Amino acid sequence: MHGYGPTPQQQTTSRPSPATLTTVRVVLVTVTVLSCGLLGWVAMLRLAIVTRRPRDWVLLVVVMILNAALFAFIVSTPDDPDDMSDASVLLMLLWIVALLAGVITYYLYVEIRHYSSLRSLGSPAPYTAPAHAASLPYQQHPAQQQQQQQQQQHQQPNPYTVQTPPPTPTPAPQRLDQVRAELDELSDYLRKENREGEGR
């Protein structure tokens, strides 16, 4: 549907790389410092476009007004520094320092925080199975299903495997029967000898 907004995956792919963000921040901070704060509105404009918050648009207007007032104050001062009063010099320095510190600090803090929050929102959440998923076999994880199948294979005998019959006891060797017969004959012979000895 066309009415839905961009997915988190689309936001992640459209976000600039960290190297690009660092380059843009360095350029905007350098421009703000070299212009003595007169171009501080450029960094605030970039911030308002990125965050799209009403507060940043309001601060952009405030910074533009301060930049215009500072530019008018510098133009109205004499060209010769000796003709300027100490109060005018001190006011201009404080104005420039406050504008530089405020714009650079606020811009870097808000933009870094903004992209950090986008990175945390774009990371995929860990998968959590519903509470009733344990009772439904078709909703189980494939690894769990494979493990259960392996356990069932170990527990249930395979009907296609050939079962070897137990070894039948081997008959006693014929040598044992022969020895037994010889012992019987020997015992009979000894009995006969004993009887004949007693008869004599």
Protein backbone atom coordinates (compact mmCIF):
# COMPACT_ATOMS: atom_id res chain seq x y z
CA MET A 1 0.00 0.00 0.00
CA HIS A 2 1.22 3.52 -0.79
CA GLY A 3 -0.10 4.97 2.48
CA TYR A 4 2.43 3.20 4.71
CA GLY A 5 5.66 4.89 5.70
CA PRO A 6 9.18 3.54 5.08
CA THR A 7 10.17 0.42 6.94
CA PRO A 8 13.12 0.42 9.38
CA GLN A 9 15.15 -1.47 6.79
CA GLN A 10 14.59 1.29 4.23
CA GLN A 11 15.58 3.93 6.79
CA THR A 12 18.76 2.00 7.56
CA THR A 13 19.79 1.77 3.92
CA SER A 14 19.13 5.49 3.28
CA ARG A 15 21.17 6.66 6.29
CA PRO A 16 24.62 8.07 5.32
CA SER A 17 27.73 6.19 6.25
CA PRO A 18 29.72 7.21 9.37
CA ALA A 19 32.54 8.53 7.18
CA THR A 20 30.14 10.80 5.29
CA LEU A 21 28.58 12.10 8.51
CA THR A 22 32.00 12.85 9.99
CA THR A 23 33.07 14.73 6.85
CA VAL A 24 29.89 16.84 6.82
CA ARG A 25 30.29 17.72 10.50
CA VAL A 26 33.92 18.73 10.09
CA VAL A 27 33.09 20.92 7.09
CA LEU A 28 30.18 22.68 8.82
CA VAL A 29 32.13 23.28 12.03
CA THR A 30 35.10 24.64 10.05
CA VAL A 31 32.85 26.97 8.05
CA THR A 32 31.22 28.23 11.25
CA VAL A 33 34.56 28.91 12.94
CA LEU A 34 36.22 30.55 9.94
CA SER A 35 33.24 32.86 9.44
CA CYS A 36 33.34 33.89 13.13
CA GLY A 37 29.82 32.52 13.57
CA LEU A 38 28.27 34.46 10.70
CA LEU A 39 27.63 31.22 8.78
CA GLY A 40 26.43 29.29 11.81
CA TRP A 41 22.96 29.20 10.30
CA VAL A 42 24.26 26.69 7.69
CA ALA A 43 24.87 24.06 10.40
CA MET A 44 21.50 24.82 11.98
CA LEU A 45 19.78 24.50 8.59
CA ARG A 46 21.37 21.11 8.08
CA LEU A 47 20.24 20.05 11.57
CA ALA A 48 16.65 21.21 11.01
CA ILE A 49 16.45 19.32 7.70
CA VAL A 50 17.81 16.13 9.32
CA THR A 51 15.69 16.09 12.48
CA ARG A 52 12.58 17.88 11.08
CA ARG A 53 11.64 19.05 14.55
CA PRO A 54 9.87 22.39 15.09
CA ARG A 55 12.33 23.36 17.84
CA ASP A 56 15.28 23.11 15.45
CA TRP A 57 13.48 25.25 12.87
CA VAL A 58 12.82 27.87 15.54
CA LEU A 59 16.48 27.81 16.62
CA LEU A 60 17.49 28.19 12.98
CA VAL A 61 15.49 31.41 12.77
CA VAL A 62 17.02 32.63 16.05
CA VAL A 63 20.56 31.94 14.82
CA MET A 64 19.86 33.72 11.53
CA ILE A 65 18.61 36.78 13.42
CA LEU A 66 21.71 36.75 15.66
CA ASN A 67 23.97 36.39 12.61
CA ALA A 68 22.25 39.29 10.85
CA ALA A 69 22.52 41.44 13.99
CA LEU A 70 26.21 40.55 14.40
CA PHE A 71 26.88 41.38 10.77
CA ALA A 72 25.11 44.76 11.17
CA PHE A 73 27.09 45.44 14.35
CA ILE A 74 30.40 44.68 12.62
CA VAL A 75 29.50 46.89 9.64
CA SER A 76 28.55 49.75 11.94
CA THR A 77 31.87 49.69 13.80
CA PRO A 78 34.71 51.93 12.58
CA ASP A 79 37.30 50.48 10.24
CA ASP A 80 40.13 51.57 12.50
CA PRO A 81 40.30 49.33 15.62
CA ASP A 82 41.73 52.24 17.64
CA ASP A 83 38.49 54.18 17.19
CA MET A 84 36.44 51.37 18.74
CA SER A 85 35.68 51.52 22.43
CA ASP A 86 36.66 48.72 24.74
CA ALA A 87 33.02 47.96 25.44
CA SER A 88 32.28 47.50 21.74
CA VAL A 89 35.25 45.18 21.27
CA LEU A 90 34.31 43.14 24.34
CA LEU A 91 30.67 42.91 23.24
CA MET A 92 31.63 41.75 19.76
CA LEU A 93 34.04 39.12 21.10
CA LEU A 94 31.51 37.77 23.57
CA TRP A 95 28.87 37.73 20.85
CA ILE A 96 31.09 35.75 18.47
CA VAL A 97 32.29 33.29 21.14
CA ALA A 98 28.79 32.64 22.46
CA LEU A 99 27.43 32.15 18.95
CA LEU A 100 30.24 29.79 17.98
CA ALA A 101 30.04 27.73 21.15
CA GLY A 102 26.25 27.52 21.12
CA VAL A 103 25.86 26.59 17.46
CA ILE A 104 28.70 24.05 17.32
CA THR A 105 27.83 22.34 20.62
CA TYR A 106 24.11 22.11 19.91
CA TYR A 107 24.59 20.98 16.31
CA LEU A 108 27.04 18.19 17.11
CA TYR A 109 25.14 16.96 20.17
CA VAL A 110 21.71 16.80 18.52
CA GLU A 111 22.88 15.31 15.22
CA ILE A 112 25.00 12.58 16.85
CA ARG A 113 22.14 11.71 19.17
CA HIS A 114 19.68 11.66 16.27
CA TYR A 115 21.68 9.19 14.19
CA SER A 116 22.44 7.04 17.24
CA SER A 117 18.71 6.68 17.91
CA LEU A 118 18.12 5.77 14.25
CA ARG A 119 20.83 3.09 14.46
CA SER A 120 19.26 1.57 17.58
CA LEU A 121 15.79 1.58 15.97
CA GLY A 122 17.11 0.03 12.77
CA SER A 123 18.76 -2.96 14.48
CA PRO A 124 16.60 -6.10 14.29
CA ALA A 125 14.92 -7.16 17.51
CA PRO A 126 15.70 -10.65 18.87
CA TYR A 127 13.15 -13.31 17.94
CA THR A 128 10.78 -14.23 20.74
CA ALA A 129 8.41 -17.12 20.15
CA PRO A 130 4.79 -16.70 21.35
CA ALA A 131 3.69 -18.44 24.51
CA HIS A 132 1.48 -20.98 22.70
CA ALA A 133 4.14 -21.83 20.12
CA ALA A 134 5.57 -24.61 22.27
CA SER A 135 2.39 -26.68 21.88
CA LEU A 136 2.28 -26.32 18.09
CA PRO A 137 4.83 -28.44 16.23
CA TYR A 138 4.59 -26.46 13.00
CA GLN A 139 5.64 -23.23 14.76
CA GLN A 140 8.82 -24.66 16.24
CA HIS A 141 12.22 -23.53 15.11
CA PRO A 142 13.72 -25.70 12.32
CA ALA A 143 16.72 -26.52 14.51
CA GLN A 144 14.42 -27.78 17.27
CA GLN A 145 12.43 -29.89 14.80
CA GLN A 146 15.63 -31.43 13.44
CA GLN A 147 16.85 -32.21 16.95
CA GLN A 148 13.53 -33.87 17.83
CA GLN A 149 13.64 -35.95 14.66
CA GLN A 150 17.14 -37.14 15.51
CA GLN A 151 16.02 -38.10 19.03
CA GLN A 152 13.06 -40.04 17.60
CA GLN A 153 15.35 -41.85 15.19
CA HIS A 154 17.60 -42.88 18.08
CA GLN A 155 14.64 -44.04 20.18
CA GLN A 156 12.63 -45.93 17.53
CA PRO A 157 14.24 -48.99 15.89
CA ASN A 158 14.59 -48.89 12.15
CA PRO A 159 12.31 -51.56 10.59
CA TYR A 160 14.59 -51.84 7.56
CA THR A 161 17.68 -52.88 9.48
CA VAL A 162 18.45 -56.64 9.42
CA GLN A 163 18.52 -58.04 12.93
CA THR A 164 21.09 -60.78 13.35
CA PRO A 165 19.81 -63.83 15.30
CA PRO A 166 21.53 -64.62 18.58
CA PRO A 167 24.35 -67.10 18.24
CA THR A 168 23.26 -70.71 18.83
CA PRO A 169 25.30 -72.68 21.33
CA THR A 170 27.72 -74.98 19.59
CA PRO A 171 27.39 -78.71 20.44
CA ALA A 172 29.97 -80.24 22.66
CA PRO A 173 32.78 -81.80 20.71
CA GLN A 174 32.79 -85.56 20.17
CA ARG A 175 36.12 -85.79 21.92
CA LEU A 176 34.38 -85.11 25.24
CA ASP A 177 31.99 -88.07 24.69
CA GLN A 178 34.89 -90.32 23.85
CA VAL A 179 36.78 -89.35 27.00
CA ARG A 180 33.68 -89.95 29.08
CA ALA A 181 33.24 -93.43 27.59
CA GLU A 182 36.87 -94.28 28.28
CA LEU A 183 36.49 -93.16 31.88
CA ASP A 184 33.43 -95.37 32.28
CA GLU A 185 35.30 -98.34 30.86
CA LEU A 186 38.22 -97.64 33.17
CA SER A 187 35.96 -97.47 36.23
CA ASP A 188 34.29 -100.75 35.22
CA TYR A 189 37.68 -102.37 34.80
CA LEU A 190 38.84 -101.18 38.21
CA ARG A 191 35.65 -102.53 39.86
CA LYS A 192 36.16 -105.86 38.21
CA GLU A 193 39.75 -106.00 39.41
CA ASN A 194 38.66 -105.19 42.94
CA ARG A 195 36.07 -107.96 42.94
CA GLU A 196 38.52 -110.52 41.63
CA GLY A 197 41.03 -109.48 44.28
CA GLU A 198 38.48 -109.90 47.00
CA GLY A 199 37.45 -113.32 45.61
CA ARG A 200 40.96 -114.63 45.89
